[in-house]
PDB file of all heavy atoms in Angstrom:
ATOM      1  N   LYS A   1      -0.065  -8.419   1.947  1.00  0.00           N
ATOM      2  CA  LYS A   1      -0.597  -7.677   3.093  1.00  0.00           C
ATOM      3  C   LYS A   1      -1.459  -6.483   2.679  1.00  0.00           C
ATOM      4  O   LYS A   1      -2.129  -5.890   3.513  1.00  0.00           O
ATOM      5  CB  LYS A   1       0.539  -7.238   4.000  1.00  0.00           C
ATOM      6  CG  LYS A   1       1.215  -8.441   4.645  1.00  0.00           C
ATOM      7  CD  LYS A   1       2.132  -8.066   5.747  1.00  0.00           C
ATOM      8  CE  LYS A   1       2.666  -9.323   6.416  1.00  0.00           C
ATOM      9  NZ  LYS A   1       3.473  -9.012   7.593  1.00  0.00           N
ATOM     10  N   LEU A   2      -1.466  -6.139   1.406  1.00  0.00           N
ATOM     11  CA  LEU A   2      -2.261  -5.003   0.938  1.00  0.00           C
ATOM     12  C   LEU A   2      -3.764  -5.255   1.043  1.00  0.00           C
ATOM     13  O   LEU A   2      -4.551  -4.320   1.108  1.00  0.00           O
ATOM     14  CB  LEU A   2      -1.890  -4.639  -0.491  1.00  0.00           C
ATOM     15  CG  LEU A   2      -0.528  -3.981  -0.638  1.00  0.00           C
ATOM     16  CD1 LEU A   2      -0.109  -3.940  -2.099  1.00  0.00           C
ATOM     17  CD2 LEU A   2      -0.532  -2.591  -0.033  1.00  0.00           C
ATOM     18  N   LYS A   3      -4.167  -6.512   1.065  1.00  0.00           N
ATOM     19  CA  LYS A   3      -5.597  -6.850   1.171  1.00  0.00           C
ATOM     20  C   LYS A   3      -6.062  -6.990   2.623  1.00  0.00           C
ATOM     21  O   LYS A   3      -7.254  -7.159   2.874  1.00  0.00           O
ATOM     22  CB  LYS A   3      -5.901  -8.127   0.394  1.00  0.00           C
ATOM     23  CG  LYS A   3      -5.632  -8.012  -1.093  1.00  0.00           C
ATOM     24  CD  LYS A   3      -6.477  -6.936  -1.736  1.00  0.00           C
ATOM     25  CE  LYS A   3      -6.169  -6.817  -3.213  1.00  0.00           C
ATOM     26  NZ  LYS A   3      -6.795  -5.633  -3.806  1.00  0.00           N
ATOM     27  N   GLN A   4      -5.132  -6.909   3.577  1.00  0.00           N
ATOM     28  CA  GLN A   4      -5.520  -6.957   4.988  1.00  0.00           C
ATOM     29  C   GLN A   4      -6.396  -5.752   5.304  1.00  0.00           C
ATOM     30  O   GLN A   4      -6.324  -4.727   4.635  1.00  0.00           O
ATOM     31  CB  GLN A   4      -4.292  -6.937   5.901  1.00  0.00           C
ATOM     32  CG  GLN A   4      -3.489  -8.197   5.883  1.00  0.00           C
ATOM     33  CD  GLN A   4      -2.296  -8.119   6.819  1.00  0.00           C
ATOM     34  OE1 GLN A   4      -2.086  -7.146   7.535  1.00  0.00           O
ATOM     35  NE2 GLN A   4      -1.486  -9.156   6.792  1.00  0.00           N
ATOM     36  N   ARG A   5      -7.180  -5.864   6.363  1.00  0.00           N
ATOM     37  CA  ARG A   5      -8.072  -4.770   6.757  1.00  0.00           C
ATOM     38  C   ARG A   5      -7.717  -4.260   8.147  1.00  0.00           C
ATOM     39  O   ARG A   5      -7.283  -5.031   8.998  1.00  0.00           O
ATOM     40  CB  ARG A   5      -9.518  -5.231   6.721  1.00  0.00           C
ATOM     41  CG  ARG A   5      -9.954  -5.605   5.310  1.00  0.00           C
ATOM     42  CD  ARG A   5     -11.414  -5.952   5.227  1.00  0.00           C
ATOM     43  NE  ARG A   5     -11.775  -6.329   3.876  1.00  0.00           N
ATOM     44  CZ  ARG A   5     -12.182  -5.472   2.948  1.00  0.00           C
ATOM     45  NH1 ARG A   5     -12.283  -4.200   3.232  1.00  0.00           N
ATOM     46  NH2 ARG A   5     -12.492  -5.906   1.743  1.00  0.00           N
ATOM     47  N   ASP A   6      -7.939  -2.965   8.344  1.00  0.00           N
ATOM     48  CA  ASP A   6      -7.714  -2.379   9.660  1.00  0.00           C
ATOM     49  C   ASP A   6      -8.978  -2.559  10.506  1.00  0.00           C
ATOM     50  O   ASP A   6      -9.930  -3.229  10.090  1.00  0.00           O
ATOM     51  CB  ASP A   6      -7.290  -0.902   9.543  1.00  0.00           C
ATOM     52  CG  ASP A   6      -8.410   0.017   9.069  1.00  0.00           C
ATOM     53  OD1 ASP A   6      -9.520  -0.469   8.729  1.00  0.00           O
ATOM     54  OD2 ASP A   6      -8.181   1.237   9.042  1.00  0.00           O
ATOM     55  N   LYS A   7      -8.996  -1.942  11.674  1.00  0.00           N
ATOM     56  CA  LYS A   7     -10.148  -2.092  12.579  1.00  0.00           C
ATOM     57  C   LYS A   7     -11.426  -1.510  11.999  1.00  0.00           C
ATOM     58  O   LYS A   7     -12.519  -1.907  12.367  1.00  0.00           O
ATOM     59  CB  LYS A   7      -9.831  -1.430  13.919  1.00  0.00           C
ATOM     60  CG  LYS A   7      -8.761  -2.158  14.695  1.00  0.00           C
ATOM     61  CD  LYS A   7      -8.430  -1.460  15.989  1.00  0.00           C
ATOM     62  CE  LYS A   7      -7.303  -2.189  16.698  1.00  0.00           C
ATOM     63  NZ  LYS A   7      -6.892  -1.522  17.919  1.00  0.00           N
ATOM     64  N   LYS A   8     -11.288  -0.553  11.070  1.00  0.00           N
ATOM     65  CA  LYS A   8     -12.459   0.062  10.434  1.00  0.00           C
ATOM     66  C   LYS A   8     -12.855  -0.672   9.156  1.00  0.00           C
ATOM     67  O   LYS A   8     -13.689  -0.192   8.402  1.00  0.00           O
ATOM     68  CB  LYS A   8     -12.177   1.528  10.130  1.00  0.00           C
ATOM     69  CG  LYS A   8     -11.963   2.356  11.375  1.00  0.00           C
ATOM     70  CD  LYS A   8     -11.637   3.792  11.017  1.00  0.00           C
ATOM     71  CE  LYS A   8     -11.333   4.592  12.260  1.00  0.00           C
ATOM     72  NZ  LYS A   8     -10.896   5.957  11.932  1.00  0.00           N
ATOM     73  N   ARG A   9     -12.205  -1.811   8.885  1.00  0.00           N
ATOM     74  CA  ARG A   9     -12.479  -2.676   7.736  1.00  0.00           C
ATOM     75  C   ARG A   9     -11.997  -2.105   6.409  1.00  0.00           C
ATOM     76  O   ARG A   9     -12.422  -2.539   5.345  1.00  0.00           O
ATOM     77  CB  ARG A   9     -13.974  -3.049   7.648  1.00  0.00           C
ATOM     78  CG  ARG A   9     -14.575  -3.657   8.895  1.00  0.00           C
ATOM     79  CD  ARG A   9     -14.022  -4.995   9.293  1.00  0.00           C
ATOM     80  NE  ARG A   9     -14.137  -5.982   8.234  1.00  0.00           N
ATOM     81  CZ  ARG A   9     -13.252  -6.963   8.029  1.00  0.00           C
ATOM     82  NH1 ARG A   9     -12.228  -7.108   8.828  1.00  0.00           N
ATOM     83  NH2 ARG A   9     -13.399  -7.818   7.058  1.00  0.00           N
ATOM     84  N   LYS A  10     -11.102  -1.105   6.438  1.00  0.00           N
ATOM     85  CA  LYS A  10     -10.507  -0.587   5.209  1.00  0.00           C
ATOM     86  C   LYS A  10      -9.293  -1.435   4.864  1.00  0.00           C
ATOM     87  O   LYS A  10      -8.530  -1.824   5.750  1.00  0.00           O
ATOM     88  CB  LYS A  10     -10.064   0.862   5.392  1.00  0.00           C
ATOM     89  CG  LYS A  10     -11.193   1.832   5.533  1.00  0.00           C
ATOM     90  CD  LYS A  10     -10.635   3.238   5.627  1.00  0.00           C
ATOM     91  CE  LYS A  10     -11.737   4.245   5.771  1.00  0.00           C
ATOM     92  NZ  LYS A  10     -11.204   5.613   5.882  1.00  0.00           N
ATOM     93  N   THR A  11      -9.102  -1.699   3.573  1.00  0.00           N
ATOM     94  CA  THR A  11      -7.910  -2.452   3.188  1.00  0.00           C
ATOM     95  C   THR A  11      -6.684  -1.548   3.307  1.00  0.00           C
ATOM     96  O   THR A  11      -6.782  -0.317   3.186  1.00  0.00           O
ATOM     97  CB  THR A  11      -8.001  -2.976   1.742  1.00  0.00           C
ATOM     98  OG1 THR A  11      -8.025  -1.870   0.839  1.00  0.00           O
ATOM     99  CG2 THR A  11      -9.203  -3.886   1.543  1.00  0.00           C
ATOM    100  N   ILE A  12      -5.538  -2.157   3.519  1.00  0.00           N
ATOM    101  CA  ILE A  12      -4.276  -1.408   3.582  1.00  0.00           C
ATOM    102  C   ILE A  12      -4.055  -0.684   2.258  1.00  0.00           C
ATOM    103  O   ILE A  12      -3.623   0.471   2.232  1.00  0.00           O
ATOM    104  CB  ILE A  12      -3.100  -2.359   3.907  1.00  0.00           C
ATOM    105  CG1 ILE A  12      -3.309  -3.036   5.272  1.00  0.00           C
ATOM    106  CG2 ILE A  12      -1.774  -1.622   3.847  1.00  0.00           C
ATOM    107  CD1 ILE A  12      -3.514  -2.091   6.455  1.00  0.00           C
ATOM    108  N   GLU A  13      -4.414  -1.325   1.168  1.00  0.00           N
ATOM    109  CA  GLU A  13      -4.286  -0.719  -0.150  1.00  0.00           C
ATOM    110  C   GLU A  13      -5.101   0.578  -0.244  1.00  0.00           C
ATOM    111  O   GLU A  13      -4.621   1.589  -0.759  1.00  0.00           O
ATOM    112  CB  GLU A  13      -4.745  -1.725  -1.200  1.00  0.00           C
ATOM    113  CG  GLU A  13      -4.454  -1.363  -2.610  1.00  0.00           C
ATOM    114  CD  GLU A  13      -4.703  -2.543  -3.544  1.00  0.00           C
ATOM    115  OE1 GLU A  13      -5.559  -3.410  -3.244  1.00  0.00           O
ATOM    116  OE2 GLU A  13      -4.031  -2.580  -4.576  1.00  0.00           O
ATOM    117  N   ASP A  14      -6.340   0.557   0.268  1.00  0.00           N
ATOM    118  CA  ASP A  14      -7.180   1.761   0.259  1.00  0.00           C
ATOM    119  C   ASP A  14      -6.621   2.850   1.178  1.00  0.00           C
ATOM    120  O   ASP A  14      -6.676   4.036   0.842  1.00  0.00           O
ATOM    121  CB  ASP A  14      -8.612   1.427   0.682  1.00  0.00           C
ATOM    122  CG  ASP A  14      -9.393   0.693  -0.390  1.00  0.00           C
ATOM    123  OD1 ASP A  14      -9.001   0.765  -1.575  1.00  0.00           O
ATOM    124  OD2 ASP A  14     -10.401   0.039  -0.042  1.00  0.00           O
ATOM    125  N   ILE A  15      -6.098   2.450   2.318  1.00  0.00           N
ATOM    126  CA  ILE A  15      -5.512   3.417   3.255  1.00  0.00           C
ATOM    127  C   ILE A  15      -4.333   4.127   2.597  1.00  0.00           C
ATOM    128  O   ILE A  15      -4.204   5.356   2.681  1.00  0.00           O
ATOM    129  CB  ILE A  15      -5.086   2.717   4.563  1.00  0.00           C
ATOM    130  CG1 ILE A  15      -6.323   2.215   5.319  1.00  0.00           C
ATOM    131  CG2 ILE A  15      -4.240   3.637   5.441  1.00  0.00           C
ATOM    132  CD1 ILE A  15      -6.014   1.261   6.449  1.00  0.00           C
ATOM    133  N   ILE A  16      -3.476   3.361   1.939  1.00  0.00           N
ATOM    134  CA  ILE A  16      -2.315   3.946   1.251  1.00  0.00           C
ATOM    135  C   ILE A  16      -2.784   4.871   0.127  1.00  0.00           C
ATOM    136  O   ILE A  16      -2.301   6.002  -0.010  1.00  0.00           O
ATOM    137  CB  ILE A  16      -1.367   2.851   0.732  1.00  0.00           C
ATOM    138  CG1 ILE A  16      -0.733   2.112   1.909  1.00  0.00           C
ATOM    139  CG2 ILE A  16      -0.295   3.446  -0.179  1.00  0.00           C
ATOM    140  CD1 ILE A  16       0.043   0.862   1.523  1.00  0.00           C
ATOM    141  N   HIS A  17      -3.729   4.415  -0.676  1.00  0.00           N
ATOM    142  CA  HIS A  17      -4.250   5.229  -1.776  1.00  0.00           C
ATOM    143  C   HIS A  17      -4.796   6.561  -1.262  1.00  0.00           C
ATOM    144  O   HIS A  17      -4.455   7.628  -1.786  1.00  0.00           O
ATOM    145  CB  HIS A  17      -5.342   4.474  -2.532  1.00  0.00           C
ATOM    146  CG  HIS A  17      -6.093   5.324  -3.506  1.00  0.00           C
ATOM    147  ND1 HIS A  17      -5.594   5.636  -4.742  1.00  0.00           N
ATOM    148  CD2 HIS A  17      -7.297   5.947  -3.397  1.00  0.00           C
ATOM    149  CE1 HIS A  17      -6.459   6.427  -5.365  1.00  0.00           C
ATOM    150  NE2 HIS A  17      -7.498   6.623  -4.571  1.00  0.00           N
ATOM    151  N   ASN A  18      -5.643   6.504  -0.257  1.00  0.00           N
ATOM    152  CA  ASN A  18      -6.255   7.723   0.278  1.00  0.00           C
ATOM    153  C   ASN A  18      -5.208   8.681   0.837  1.00  0.00           C
ATOM    154  O   ASN A  18      -5.285   9.889   0.614  1.00  0.00           O
ATOM    155  CB  ASN A  18      -7.295   7.381   1.346  1.00  0.00           C
ATOM    156  CG  ASN A  18      -8.508   6.677   0.761  1.00  0.00           C
ATOM    157  OD1 ASN A  18      -8.811   6.812  -0.430  1.00  0.00           O
ATOM    158  ND2 ASN A  18      -9.186   5.908   1.575  1.00  0.00           N
ATOM    159  N   PHE A  19      -4.230   8.162   1.547  1.00  0.00           N
ATOM    160  CA  PHE A  19      -3.181   9.004   2.120  1.00  0.00           C
ATOM    161  C   PHE A  19      -2.340   9.665   1.028  1.00  0.00           C
ATOM    162  O   PHE A  19      -2.086  10.871   1.074  1.00  0.00           O
ATOM    163  CB  PHE A  19      -2.279   8.183   3.046  1.00  0.00           C
ATOM    164  CG  PHE A  19      -1.094   8.956   3.541  1.00  0.00           C
ATOM    165  CD1 PHE A  19      -1.207   9.798   4.625  1.00  0.00           C
ATOM    166  CD2 PHE A  19       0.135   8.866   2.898  1.00  0.00           C
ATOM    167  CE1 PHE A  19      -0.119  10.533   5.070  1.00  0.00           C
ATOM    168  CE2 PHE A  19       1.223   9.595   3.324  1.00  0.00           C
ATOM    169  CZ  PHE A  19       1.098  10.427   4.420  1.00  0.00           C
ATOM    170  N   LEU A  20      -1.901   8.882   0.063  1.00  0.00           N
ATOM    171  CA  LEU A  20      -1.017   9.422  -0.971  1.00  0.00           C
ATOM    172  C   LEU A  20      -1.722  10.436  -1.863  1.00  0.00           C
ATOM    173  O   LEU A  20      -1.137  11.460  -2.218  1.00  0.00           O
ATOM    174  CB  LEU A  20      -0.407   8.294  -1.803  1.00  0.00           C
ATOM    175  CG  LEU A  20       0.546   7.362  -1.055  1.00  0.00           C
ATOM    176  CD1 LEU A  20       1.048   6.249  -1.966  1.00  0.00           C
ATOM    177  CD2 LEU A  20       1.709   8.117  -0.432  1.00  0.00           C
ATOM    178  N   THR A  21      -2.976  10.183  -2.215  1.00  0.00           N
ATOM    179  CA  THR A  21      -3.676  11.157  -3.052  1.00  0.00           C
ATOM    180  C   THR A  21      -3.992  12.424  -2.266  1.00  0.00           C
ATOM    181  O   THR A  21      -3.937  13.521  -2.827  1.00  0.00           O
ATOM    182  CB  THR A  21      -4.965  10.576  -3.666  1.00  0.00           C
ATOM    183  OG1 THR A  21      -5.788  10.045  -2.642  1.00  0.00           O
ATOM    184  CG2 THR A  21      -4.643   9.499  -4.686  1.00  0.00           C
ATOM    185  N   LYS A  22      -4.279  12.306  -0.982  1.00  0.00           N
ATOM    186  CA  LYS A  22      -4.571  13.488  -0.156  1.00  0.00           C
ATOM    187  C   LYS A  22      -3.303  14.319   0.087  1.00  0.00           C
ATOM    188  O   LYS A  22      -3.327  15.545   0.009  1.00  0.00           O
ATOM    189  CB  LYS A  22      -5.168  13.059   1.181  1.00  0.00           C
ATOM    190  CG  LYS A  22      -5.431  14.207   2.120  1.00  0.00           C
ATOM    191  CD  LYS A  22      -5.969  13.737   3.450  1.00  0.00           C
ATOM    192  CE  LYS A  22      -6.101  14.917   4.398  1.00  0.00           C
ATOM    193  NZ  LYS A  22      -6.432  14.493   5.752  1.00  0.00           N
ATOM    194  N   ASN A  23      -2.192  13.670   0.402  1.00  0.00           N
ATOM    195  CA  ASN A  23      -0.983  14.372   0.820  1.00  0.00           C
ATOM    196  C   ASN A  23       0.010  14.665  -0.301  1.00  0.00           C
ATOM    197  O   ASN A  23       0.857  15.551  -0.153  1.00  0.00           O
ATOM    198  CB  ASN A  23      -0.284  13.586   1.933  1.00  0.00           C
ATOM    199  CG  ASN A  23      -1.067  13.624   3.211  1.00  0.00           C
ATOM    200  OD1 ASN A  23      -0.998  14.593   3.952  1.00  0.00           O
ATOM    201  ND2 ASN A  23      -1.849  12.588   3.466  1.00  0.00           N
ATOM    202  N   PHE A  24      -0.053  13.902  -1.398  1.00  0.00           N
ATOM    203  CA  PHE A  24       0.918  14.069  -2.477  1.00  0.00           C
ATOM    204  C   PHE A  24       0.247  14.280  -3.840  1.00  0.00           C
ATOM    205  O   PHE A  24       0.934  14.431  -4.840  1.00  0.00           O
ATOM    206  CB  PHE A  24       1.866  12.872  -2.531  1.00  0.00           C
ATOM    207  CG  PHE A  24       2.687  12.731  -1.285  1.00  0.00           C
ATOM    208  CD1 PHE A  24       2.243  11.959  -0.217  1.00  0.00           C
ATOM    209  CD2 PHE A  24       3.898  13.390  -1.161  1.00  0.00           C
ATOM    210  CE1 PHE A  24       3.001  11.838   0.935  1.00  0.00           C
ATOM    211  CE2 PHE A  24       4.659  13.283  -0.014  1.00  0.00           C
ATOM    212  CZ  PHE A  24       4.201  12.510   1.048  1.00  0.00           C
ATOM    213  N   ASN A  25      -1.067  14.240  -3.880  1.00  0.00           N
ATOM    214  CA  ASN A  25      -1.872  14.448  -5.093  1.00  0.00           C
ATOM    215  C   ASN A  25      -1.774  13.332  -6.124  1.00  0.00           C
ATOM    216  O   ASN A  25      -2.685  13.173  -6.927  1.00  0.00           O
ATOM    217  CB  ASN A  25      -1.555  15.787  -5.764  1.00  0.00           C
ATOM    218  CG  ASN A  25      -1.895  16.955  -4.872  1.00  0.00           C
ATOM    219  OD1 ASN A  25      -2.894  16.928  -4.172  1.00  0.00           O
ATOM    220  ND2 ASN A  25      -1.052  17.961  -4.880  1.00  0.00           N
ATOM    221  N   SER A  26      -0.702  12.577  -6.123  1.00  0.00           N
ATOM    222  CA  SER A  26      -0.565  11.484  -7.088  1.00  0.00           C
ATOM    223  C   SER A  26       0.505  10.509  -6.607  1.00  0.00           C
ATOM    224  O   SER A  26       1.292  10.828  -5.722  1.00  0.00           O
ATOM    225  CB  SER A  26      -0.179  12.027  -8.467  1.00  0.00           C
ATOM    226  OG  SER A  26       1.090  12.630  -8.408  1.00  0.00           O
ATOM    227  N   TYR A  27       0.503   9.343  -7.205  1.00  0.00           N
ATOM    228  CA  TYR A  27       1.524   8.327  -6.925  1.00  0.00           C
ATOM    229  C   TYR A  27       1.480   7.287  -8.023  1.00  0.00           C
ATOM    230  O   TYR A  27       0.541   7.246  -8.813  1.00  0.00           O
ATOM    231  CB  TYR A  27       1.305   7.688  -5.545  1.00  0.00           C
ATOM    232  CG  TYR A  27       0.082   6.804  -5.444  1.00  0.00           C
ATOM    233  CD1 TYR A  27       0.182   5.423  -5.593  1.00  0.00           C
ATOM    234  CD2 TYR A  27      -1.171   7.341  -5.193  1.00  0.00           C
ATOM    235  CE1 TYR A  27      -0.936   4.607  -5.495  1.00  0.00           C
ATOM    236  CE2 TYR A  27      -2.301   6.538  -5.099  1.00  0.00           C
ATOM    237  CZ  TYR A  27      -2.172   5.170  -5.245  1.00  0.00           C
ATOM    238  OH  TYR A  27      -3.281   4.366  -5.155  1.00  0.00           O
ATOM    239  N   THR A  28       2.493   6.455  -8.078  1.00  0.00           N
ATOM    240  CA  THR A  28       2.480   5.315  -8.986  1.00  0.00           C
ATOM    241  C   THR A  28       2.746   4.053  -8.180  1.00  0.00           C
ATOM    242  O   THR A  28       3.323   4.099  -7.088  1.00  0.00           O
ATOM    243  CB  THR A  28       3.543   5.437 -10.102  1.00  0.00           C
ATOM    244  OG1 THR A  28       4.830   5.524  -9.514  1.00  0.00           O
ATOM    245  CG2 THR A  28       3.289   6.656 -10.971  1.00  0.00           C
ATOM    246  N   VAL A  29       2.313   2.928  -8.735  1.00  0.00           N
ATOM    247  CA  VAL A  29       2.531   1.622  -8.110  1.00  0.00           C
ATOM    248  C   VAL A  29       3.090   0.689  -9.164  1.00  0.00           C
ATOM    249  O   VAL A  29       2.547   0.589 -10.262  1.00  0.00           O
ATOM    250  CB  VAL A  29       1.220   1.021  -7.558  1.00  0.00           C
ATOM    251  CG1 VAL A  29       1.471  -0.330  -6.905  1.00  0.00           C
ATOM    252  CG2 VAL A  29       0.551   1.954  -6.586  1.00  0.00           C
ATOM    253  N   ASP A  30       4.183   0.017  -8.825  1.00  0.00           N
ATOM    254  CA  ASP A  30       4.756  -0.999  -9.704  1.00  0.00           C
ATOM    255  C   ASP A  30       4.406  -2.361  -9.129  1.00  0.00           C
ATOM    256  O   ASP A  30       4.565  -2.600  -7.925  1.00  0.00           O
ATOM    257  CB  ASP A  30       6.284  -0.878  -9.767  1.00  0.00           C
ATOM    258  CG  ASP A  30       6.736   0.415 -10.410  1.00  0.00           C
ATOM    259  OD1 ASP A  30       6.118   0.822 -11.402  1.00  0.00           O
ATOM    260  OD2 ASP A  30       7.702   0.999  -9.913  1.00  0.00           O
ATOM    261  N   THR A  31       3.941  -3.229  -9.990  1.00  0.00           N
ATOM    262  CA  THR A  31       3.690  -4.611  -9.597  1.00  0.00           C
ATOM    263  C   THR A  31       4.509  -5.501 -10.521  1.00  0.00           C
ATOM    264  O   THR A  31       5.049  -5.052 -11.512  1.00  0.00           O
ATOM    265  CB  THR A  31       2.197  -4.975  -9.713  1.00  0.00           C
ATOM    266  OG1 THR A  31       1.800  -4.827 -11.069  1.00  0.00           O
ATOM    267  CG2 THR A  31       1.347  -4.106  -8.827  1.00  0.00           C
ATOM    268  N   GLY A  32       4.585  -6.735 -10.167  1.00  0.00           N
ATOM    269  CA  GLY A  32       5.354  -7.671 -10.991  1.00  0.00           C
ATOM    270  C   GLY A  32       6.370  -8.395 -10.149  1.00  0.00           C
ATOM    271  O   GLY A  32       6.117  -8.729  -8.998  1.00  0.00           O
ATOM    272  N   ASN A  33       7.536  -8.591 -10.711  1.00  0.00           N
ATOM    273  CA  ASN A  33       8.591  -9.343 -10.035  1.00  0.00           C
ATOM    274  C   ASN A  33       9.447  -8.423  -9.172  1.00  0.00           C
ATOM    275  O   ASN A  33      10.581  -8.123  -9.510  1.00  0.00           O
ATOM    276  CB  ASN A  33       9.452 -10.073 -11.057  1.00  0.00           C
ATOM    277  CG  ASN A  33       8.638 -11.096 -11.816  1.00  0.00           C
ATOM    278  OD1 ASN A  33       7.737 -11.704 -11.269  1.00  0.00           O
ATOM    279  ND2 ASN A  33       8.945 -11.276 -13.083  1.00  0.00           N
ATOM    280  N   ILE A  34       8.886  -7.976  -8.066  1.00  0.00           N
ATOM    281  CA  ILE A  34       9.612  -7.132  -7.125  1.00  0.00           C
ATOM    282  C   ILE A  34       9.824  -7.973  -5.865  1.00  0.00           C
ATOM    283  O   ILE A  34       8.911  -8.162  -5.068  1.00  0.00           O
ATOM    284  CB  ILE A  34       8.840  -5.839  -6.805  1.00  0.00           C
ATOM    285  CG1 ILE A  34       8.506  -5.098  -8.094  1.00  0.00           C
ATOM    286  CG2 ILE A  34       9.661  -4.965  -5.853  1.00  0.00           C
ATOM    287  CD1 ILE A  34       7.516  -3.964  -7.921  1.00  0.00           C
ATOM    288  N   PHE A  35      11.023  -8.514  -5.730  1.00  0.00           N
ATOM    289  CA  PHE A  35      11.345  -9.405  -4.626  1.00  0.00           C
ATOM    290  C   PHE A  35      12.300  -8.713  -3.676  1.00  0.00           C
ATOM    291  O   PHE A  35      13.128  -7.908  -4.096  1.00  0.00           O
ATOM    292  CB  PHE A  35      12.014 -10.692  -5.121  1.00  0.00           C
ATOM    293  CG  PHE A  35      11.223 -11.413  -6.170  1.00  0.00           C
ATOM    294  CD1 PHE A  35      11.739 -11.589  -7.441  1.00  0.00           C
ATOM    295  CD2 PHE A  35       9.972 -11.915  -5.892  1.00  0.00           C
ATOM    296  CE1 PHE A  35      11.024 -12.258  -8.419  1.00  0.00           C
ATOM    297  CE2 PHE A  35       9.243 -12.581  -6.860  1.00  0.00           C
ATOM    298  CZ  PHE A  35       9.766 -12.753  -8.132  1.00  0.00           C
ATOM    299  N   GLY A  36      12.170  -9.026  -2.401  1.00  0.00           N
ATOM    300  CA  GLY A  36      13.107  -8.525  -1.409  1.00  0.00           C
ATOM    301  C   GLY A  36      13.712  -9.679  -0.639  1.00  0.00           C
ATOM    302  O   GLY A  36      13.016 -10.633  -0.279  1.00  0.00           O
ATOM    303  N   TYR A  37      15.013  -9.583  -0.406  1.00  0.00           N
ATOM    304  CA  TYR A  37      15.733 -10.586   0.387  1.00  0.00           C
ATOM    305  C   TYR A  37      16.505  -9.851   1.473  1.00  0.00           C
ATOM    306  O   TYR A  37      17.059  -8.787   1.239  1.00  0.00           O
ATOM    307  CB  TYR A  37      16.735 -11.354  -0.484  1.00  0.00           C
ATOM    308  CG  TYR A  37      16.103 -12.175  -1.574  1.00  0.00           C
ATOM    309  CD1 TYR A  37      15.860 -11.631  -2.828  1.00  0.00           C
ATOM    310  CD2 TYR A  37      15.764 -13.505  -1.344  1.00  0.00           C
ATOM    311  CE1 TYR A  37      15.285 -12.384  -3.838  1.00  0.00           C
ATOM    312  CE2 TYR A  37      15.194 -14.263  -2.356  1.00  0.00           C
ATOM    313  CZ  TYR A  37      14.957 -13.706  -3.589  1.00  0.00           C
ATOM    314  OH  TYR A  37      14.398 -14.460  -4.585  1.00  0.00           O
ATOM    315  N   TRP A  38      16.572 -10.414   2.658  1.00  0.00           N
ATOM    316  CA  TRP A  38      17.355  -9.848   3.747  1.00  0.00           C
ATOM    317  C   TRP A  38      17.617 -10.930   4.777  1.00  0.00           C
ATOM    318  O   TRP A  38      16.979 -11.974   4.772  1.00  0.00           O
ATOM    319  CB  TRP A  38      16.634  -8.649   4.385  1.00  0.00           C
ATOM    320  CG  TRP A  38      15.327  -9.006   5.036  1.00  0.00           C
ATOM    321  CD1 TRP A  38      15.114  -9.266   6.351  1.00  0.00           C
ATOM    322  CD2 TRP A  38      14.054  -9.153   4.396  1.00  0.00           C
ATOM    323  NE1 TRP A  38      13.789  -9.575   6.571  1.00  0.00           N
ATOM    324  CE2 TRP A  38      13.116  -9.507   5.381  1.00  0.00           C
ATOM    325  CE3 TRP A  38      13.606  -9.023   3.078  1.00  0.00           C
ATOM    326  CZ2 TRP A  38      11.772  -9.723   5.104  1.00  0.00           C
ATOM    327  CZ3 TRP A  38      12.255  -9.250   2.805  1.00  0.00           C
ATOM    328  CH2 TRP A  38      11.361  -9.590   3.811  1.00  0.00           C
ATOM    329  N   LYS A  39      18.580 -10.675   5.623  1.00  0.00           N
ATOM    330  CA  LYS A  39      18.890 -11.621   6.700  1.00  0.00           C
ATOM    331  C   LYS A  39      18.411 -11.047   8.021  1.00  0.00           C
ATOM    332  O   LYS A  39      18.608  -9.877   8.301  1.00  0.00           O
ATOM    333  CB  LYS A  39      20.386 -11.894   6.767  1.00  0.00           C
ATOM    334  CG  LYS A  39      20.852 -12.858   5.725  1.00  0.00           C
ATOM    335  CD  LYS A  39      22.174 -13.453   6.085  1.00  0.00           C
ATOM    336  CE  LYS A  39      22.462 -14.591   5.130  1.00  0.00           C
ATOM    337  NZ  LYS A  39      23.647 -15.302   5.502  1.00  0.00           N
ATOM    338  N   GLU A  40      17.784 -11.912   8.788  1.00  0.00           N
ATOM    339  CA  GLU A  40      17.319 -11.535  10.116  1.00  0.00           C
ATOM    340  C   GLU A  40      17.615 -12.693  11.062  1.00  0.00           C
ATOM    341  O   GLU A  40      17.193 -13.819  10.812  1.00  0.00           O
ATOM    342  CB  GLU A  40      15.823 -11.227  10.091  1.00  0.00           C
ATOM    343  CG  GLU A  40      15.337 -10.623  11.377  1.00  0.00           C
ATOM    344  CD  GLU A  40      13.940 -10.045  11.246  1.00  0.00           C
ATOM    345  OE1 GLU A  40      13.639  -9.408  10.234  1.00  0.00           O
ATOM    346  OE2 GLU A  40      13.173 -10.245  12.201  1.00  0.00           O
TER     347      GLU A  40
END
């Protein structure tokens, strides 16, 4: 879902990046085998 775009055509990934750097000055991202399981 990070490659999805909002109404202004920005990717979710870019929106998150811009917000975190503006409000927290830095962040890290982990990629790889990060799986989530839950019951609904």
